[in-house]
Amino acid sequence: MHVPEDPPTTCPACGDPYESVSRHADGFVVNLLDNERYQRVCFDPASDGGDPALDCYHHTHGKADGSVGE
């Protein structure tokens, strides 16, 4: 996992602001059922050195107000 060098200002998956972004080229697990900090994580396809990866955009409860992409 690492942070992309030039992340966008808004989430490319939903268009909302986000708190942080991470790039994953290996398997990972996401569980937000009991997460006190993040309400939503959006996933956007990426590449990591030519290999497939996912960028994960982490939305806090305050930034994810339920109006995805509005």
N, C-alpha and C. Protein backbone atom coordinates (compact mmCIF):
# COMPACT_ATOMS: atom_id res chain seq x y z
N MET A 1 0.85 -1.17 0.00
CA MET A 1 0.00 0.00 0.00
C MET A 1 0.89 1.23 0.00
N HIS A 2 0.49 2.23 -0.80
CA HIS A 2 1.16 3.52 -0.76
C HIS A 2 0.20 4.62 -1.23
N VAL A 3 0.61 5.85 -1.06
CA VAL A 3 -0.21 7.00 -1.47
C VAL A 3 0.19 7.40 -2.89
N PRO A 4 -0.77 7.57 -3.80
CA PRO A 4 -0.45 8.00 -5.16
C PRO A 4 0.27 9.35 -5.13
N GLU A 5 1.18 9.56 -6.10
CA GLU A 5 2.00 10.78 -6.13
C GLU A 5 1.19 12.05 -6.36
N ASP A 6 0.19 12.01 -7.23
CA ASP A 6 -0.58 13.20 -7.57
C ASP A 6 -2.07 12.91 -7.50
N PRO A 7 -2.63 12.78 -6.28
CA PRO A 7 -4.04 12.42 -6.17
C PRO A 7 -4.96 13.56 -6.60
N PRO A 8 -6.14 13.25 -7.10
CA PRO A 8 -7.09 14.29 -7.50
C PRO A 8 -7.65 15.02 -6.28
N THR A 9 -8.24 16.18 -6.50
CA THR A 9 -8.80 16.96 -5.39
C THR A 9 -10.12 16.41 -4.90
N THR A 10 -10.87 15.71 -5.75
CA THR A 10 -12.11 15.05 -5.33
C THR A 10 -12.04 13.59 -5.77
N CYS A 11 -12.87 12.78 -5.18
CA CYS A 11 -12.92 11.35 -5.48
C CYS A 11 -13.40 11.13 -6.91
N PRO A 12 -12.64 10.43 -7.75
CA PRO A 12 -13.06 10.19 -9.12
C PRO A 12 -14.24 9.22 -9.23
N ALA A 13 -14.48 8.42 -8.20
CA ALA A 13 -15.59 7.47 -8.24
C ALA A 13 -16.93 8.13 -7.95
N CYS A 14 -16.96 9.09 -7.00
CA CYS A 14 -18.25 9.69 -6.61
C CYS A 14 -18.27 11.21 -6.73
N GLY A 15 -17.11 11.85 -6.86
CA GLY A 15 -17.05 13.30 -7.00
C GLY A 15 -17.05 14.07 -5.70
N ASP A 16 -17.14 13.37 -4.57
CA ASP A 16 -17.17 14.03 -3.26
C ASP A 16 -15.75 14.27 -2.74
N PRO A 17 -15.60 15.20 -1.78
CA PRO A 17 -14.31 15.36 -1.11
C PRO A 17 -13.98 14.09 -0.33
N TYR A 18 -12.70 13.87 -0.06
CA TYR A 18 -12.26 12.71 0.71
C TYR A 18 -11.16 13.14 1.65
N GLU A 19 -10.88 12.32 2.67
CA GLU A 19 -9.85 12.65 3.64
C GLU A 19 -8.48 12.12 3.21
N SER A 20 -8.43 10.91 2.68
CA SER A 20 -7.15 10.33 2.30
C SER A 20 -7.36 9.32 1.17
N VAL A 21 -6.26 8.96 0.52
CA VAL A 21 -6.30 7.97 -0.56
C VAL A 21 -5.11 7.04 -0.40
N SER A 22 -5.32 5.78 -0.74
CA SER A 22 -4.23 4.80 -0.71
C SER A 22 -4.35 3.91 -1.94
N ARG A 23 -3.19 3.46 -2.45
CA ARG A 23 -3.16 2.58 -3.61
C ARG A 23 -2.75 1.18 -3.16
N HIS A 24 -3.52 0.18 -3.63
CA HIS A 24 -3.28 -1.20 -3.23
C HIS A 24 -3.11 -2.06 -4.48
N ALA A 25 -1.99 -2.77 -4.57
CA ALA A 25 -1.72 -3.66 -5.69
C ALA A 25 -1.88 -5.13 -5.28
N ASP A 26 -2.06 -5.37 -3.99
CA ASP A 26 -2.28 -6.72 -3.47
C ASP A 26 -3.68 -6.81 -2.88
N GLY A 27 -4.05 -7.97 -2.44
CA GLY A 27 -5.36 -8.15 -1.83
C GLY A 27 -5.48 -7.39 -0.51
N PHE A 28 -6.70 -7.03 -0.16
CA PHE A 28 -6.97 -6.34 1.10
C PHE A 28 -8.42 -6.53 1.48
N VAL A 29 -8.76 -6.19 2.72
CA VAL A 29 -10.10 -6.34 3.25
C VAL A 29 -10.60 -4.97 3.70
N VAL A 30 -11.88 -4.69 3.44
CA VAL A 30 -12.50 -3.44 3.88
C VAL A 30 -13.70 -3.80 4.73
N ASN A 31 -13.73 -3.31 5.96
CA ASN A 31 -14.85 -3.51 6.87
C ASN A 31 -15.16 -2.16 7.51
N LEU A 32 -16.30 -1.57 7.18
CA LEU A 32 -16.67 -0.28 7.74
C LEU A 32 -17.86 -0.38 8.68
N LEU A 33 -18.24 -1.59 9.05
CA LEU A 33 -19.42 -1.76 9.89
C LEU A 33 -19.30 -1.02 11.22
N ASP A 34 -18.14 -1.08 11.84
CA ASP A 34 -17.95 -0.46 13.15
C ASP A 34 -16.84 0.59 13.11
N ASN A 35 -16.64 1.23 11.96
CA ASN A 35 -15.57 2.19 11.82
C ASN A 35 -16.02 3.57 12.32
N GLU A 36 -15.33 4.09 13.33
CA GLU A 36 -15.70 5.38 13.90
C GLU A 36 -15.23 6.55 13.05
N ARG A 37 -14.24 6.33 12.18
CA ARG A 37 -13.67 7.43 11.40
C ARG A 37 -14.23 7.54 9.99
N TYR A 38 -14.30 6.42 9.27
CA TYR A 38 -14.72 6.45 7.88
C TYR A 38 -16.10 5.84 7.69
N GLN A 39 -16.92 6.54 6.91
CA GLN A 39 -18.25 6.02 6.60
C GLN A 39 -18.25 5.27 5.28
N ARG A 40 -17.40 5.72 4.34
CA ARG A 40 -17.42 5.13 3.01
C ARG A 40 -16.01 5.11 2.45
N VAL A 41 -15.71 4.08 1.66
CA VAL A 41 -14.49 4.00 0.88
C VAL A 41 -14.90 3.73 -0.56
N CYS A 42 -14.47 4.59 -1.48
CA CYS A 42 -14.73 4.39 -2.91
C CYS A 42 -13.49 3.78 -3.54
N PHE A 43 -13.68 2.98 -4.56
CA PHE A 43 -12.58 2.31 -5.24
C PHE A 43 -12.53 2.77 -6.69
N ASP A 44 -11.32 3.06 -7.18
CA ASP A 44 -11.12 3.50 -8.54
C ASP A 44 -9.95 2.71 -9.14
N PRO A 45 -10.11 2.12 -10.34
CA PRO A 45 -9.03 1.35 -10.95
C PRO A 45 -7.79 2.22 -11.17
N ALA A 46 -6.62 1.62 -10.98
CA ALA A 46 -5.35 2.32 -11.16
C ALA A 46 -4.32 1.30 -11.63
N SER A 47 -3.10 1.76 -11.81
CA SER A 47 -2.01 0.82 -12.09
C SER A 47 -0.84 1.17 -11.20
N ASP A 48 -0.05 0.16 -10.89
CA ASP A 48 1.11 0.31 -10.01
C ASP A 48 2.30 -0.33 -10.70
N GLY A 49 3.10 0.48 -11.37
CA GLY A 49 4.23 -0.07 -12.11
C GLY A 49 3.80 -0.96 -13.25
N GLY A 50 2.65 -0.66 -13.87
CA GLY A 50 2.13 -1.46 -14.96
C GLY A 50 1.23 -2.60 -14.52
N ASP A 51 1.18 -2.87 -13.23
CA ASP A 51 0.31 -3.92 -12.69
C ASP A 51 -1.01 -3.30 -12.24
N PRO A 52 -2.12 -4.06 -12.29
CA PRO A 52 -3.40 -3.52 -11.84
C PRO A 52 -3.38 -3.21 -10.34
N ALA A 53 -4.10 -2.16 -9.97
CA ALA A 53 -4.21 -1.75 -8.58
C ALA A 53 -5.54 -1.05 -8.38
N LEU A 54 -5.87 -0.77 -7.14
CA LEU A 54 -7.05 0.01 -6.80
C LEU A 54 -6.65 1.18 -5.93
N ASP A 55 -7.17 2.36 -6.27
CA ASP A 55 -7.04 3.51 -5.38
C ASP A 55 -8.27 3.53 -4.50
N CYS A 56 -8.06 3.68 -3.19
CA CYS A 56 -9.14 3.68 -2.21
C CYS A 56 -9.26 5.08 -1.63
N TYR A 57 -10.42 5.69 -1.82
CA TYR A 57 -10.69 7.05 -1.35
C TYR A 57 -11.52 6.96 -0.09
N HIS A 58 -10.96 7.43 1.03
CA HIS A 58 -11.57 7.29 2.35
C HIS A 58 -12.36 8.54 2.70
N HIS A 59 -13.67 8.36 2.89
CA HIS A 59 -14.59 9.45 3.22
C HIS A 59 -14.97 9.37 4.69
N THR A 60 -14.74 10.44 5.42
CA THR A 60 -15.15 10.49 6.83
C THR A 60 -16.66 10.64 6.92
N HIS A 61 -17.20 10.48 8.10
CA HIS A 61 -18.64 10.65 8.31
C HIS A 61 -19.06 12.07 7.92
N GLY A 62 -18.23 13.07 8.24
CA GLY A 62 -18.56 14.45 7.92
C GLY A 62 -18.55 14.75 6.44
N LYS A 63 -17.66 14.09 5.68
CA LYS A 63 -17.56 14.33 4.25
C LYS A 63 -18.51 13.45 3.44
N ALA A 64 -18.92 12.34 3.99
CA ALA A 64 -19.85 11.43 3.30
C ALA A 64 -21.24 11.66 3.88
N ASP A 65 -21.94 12.62 3.33
CA ASP A 65 -23.24 12.99 3.90
C ASP A 65 -24.39 12.21 3.30
N GLY A 66 -24.09 11.20 2.49
CA GLY A 66 -25.15 10.37 1.92
C GLY A 66 -25.60 10.83 0.54
N SER A 67 -25.11 11.96 0.07
CA SER A 67 -25.50 12.45 -1.25
C SER A 67 -24.37 12.19 -2.24
N VAL A 68 -24.12 10.93 -2.51
CA VAL A 68 -23.00 10.51 -3.35
C VAL A 68 -23.07 11.18 -4.71
N GLY A 69 -21.98 11.89 -5.08
CA GLY A 69 -21.83 12.47 -6.39
C GLY A 69 -22.70 13.67 -6.67
N GLU A 70 -23.32 14.26 -5.68
CA GLU A 70 -24.15 15.44 -5.92
C GLU A 70 -23.36 16.70 -5.77
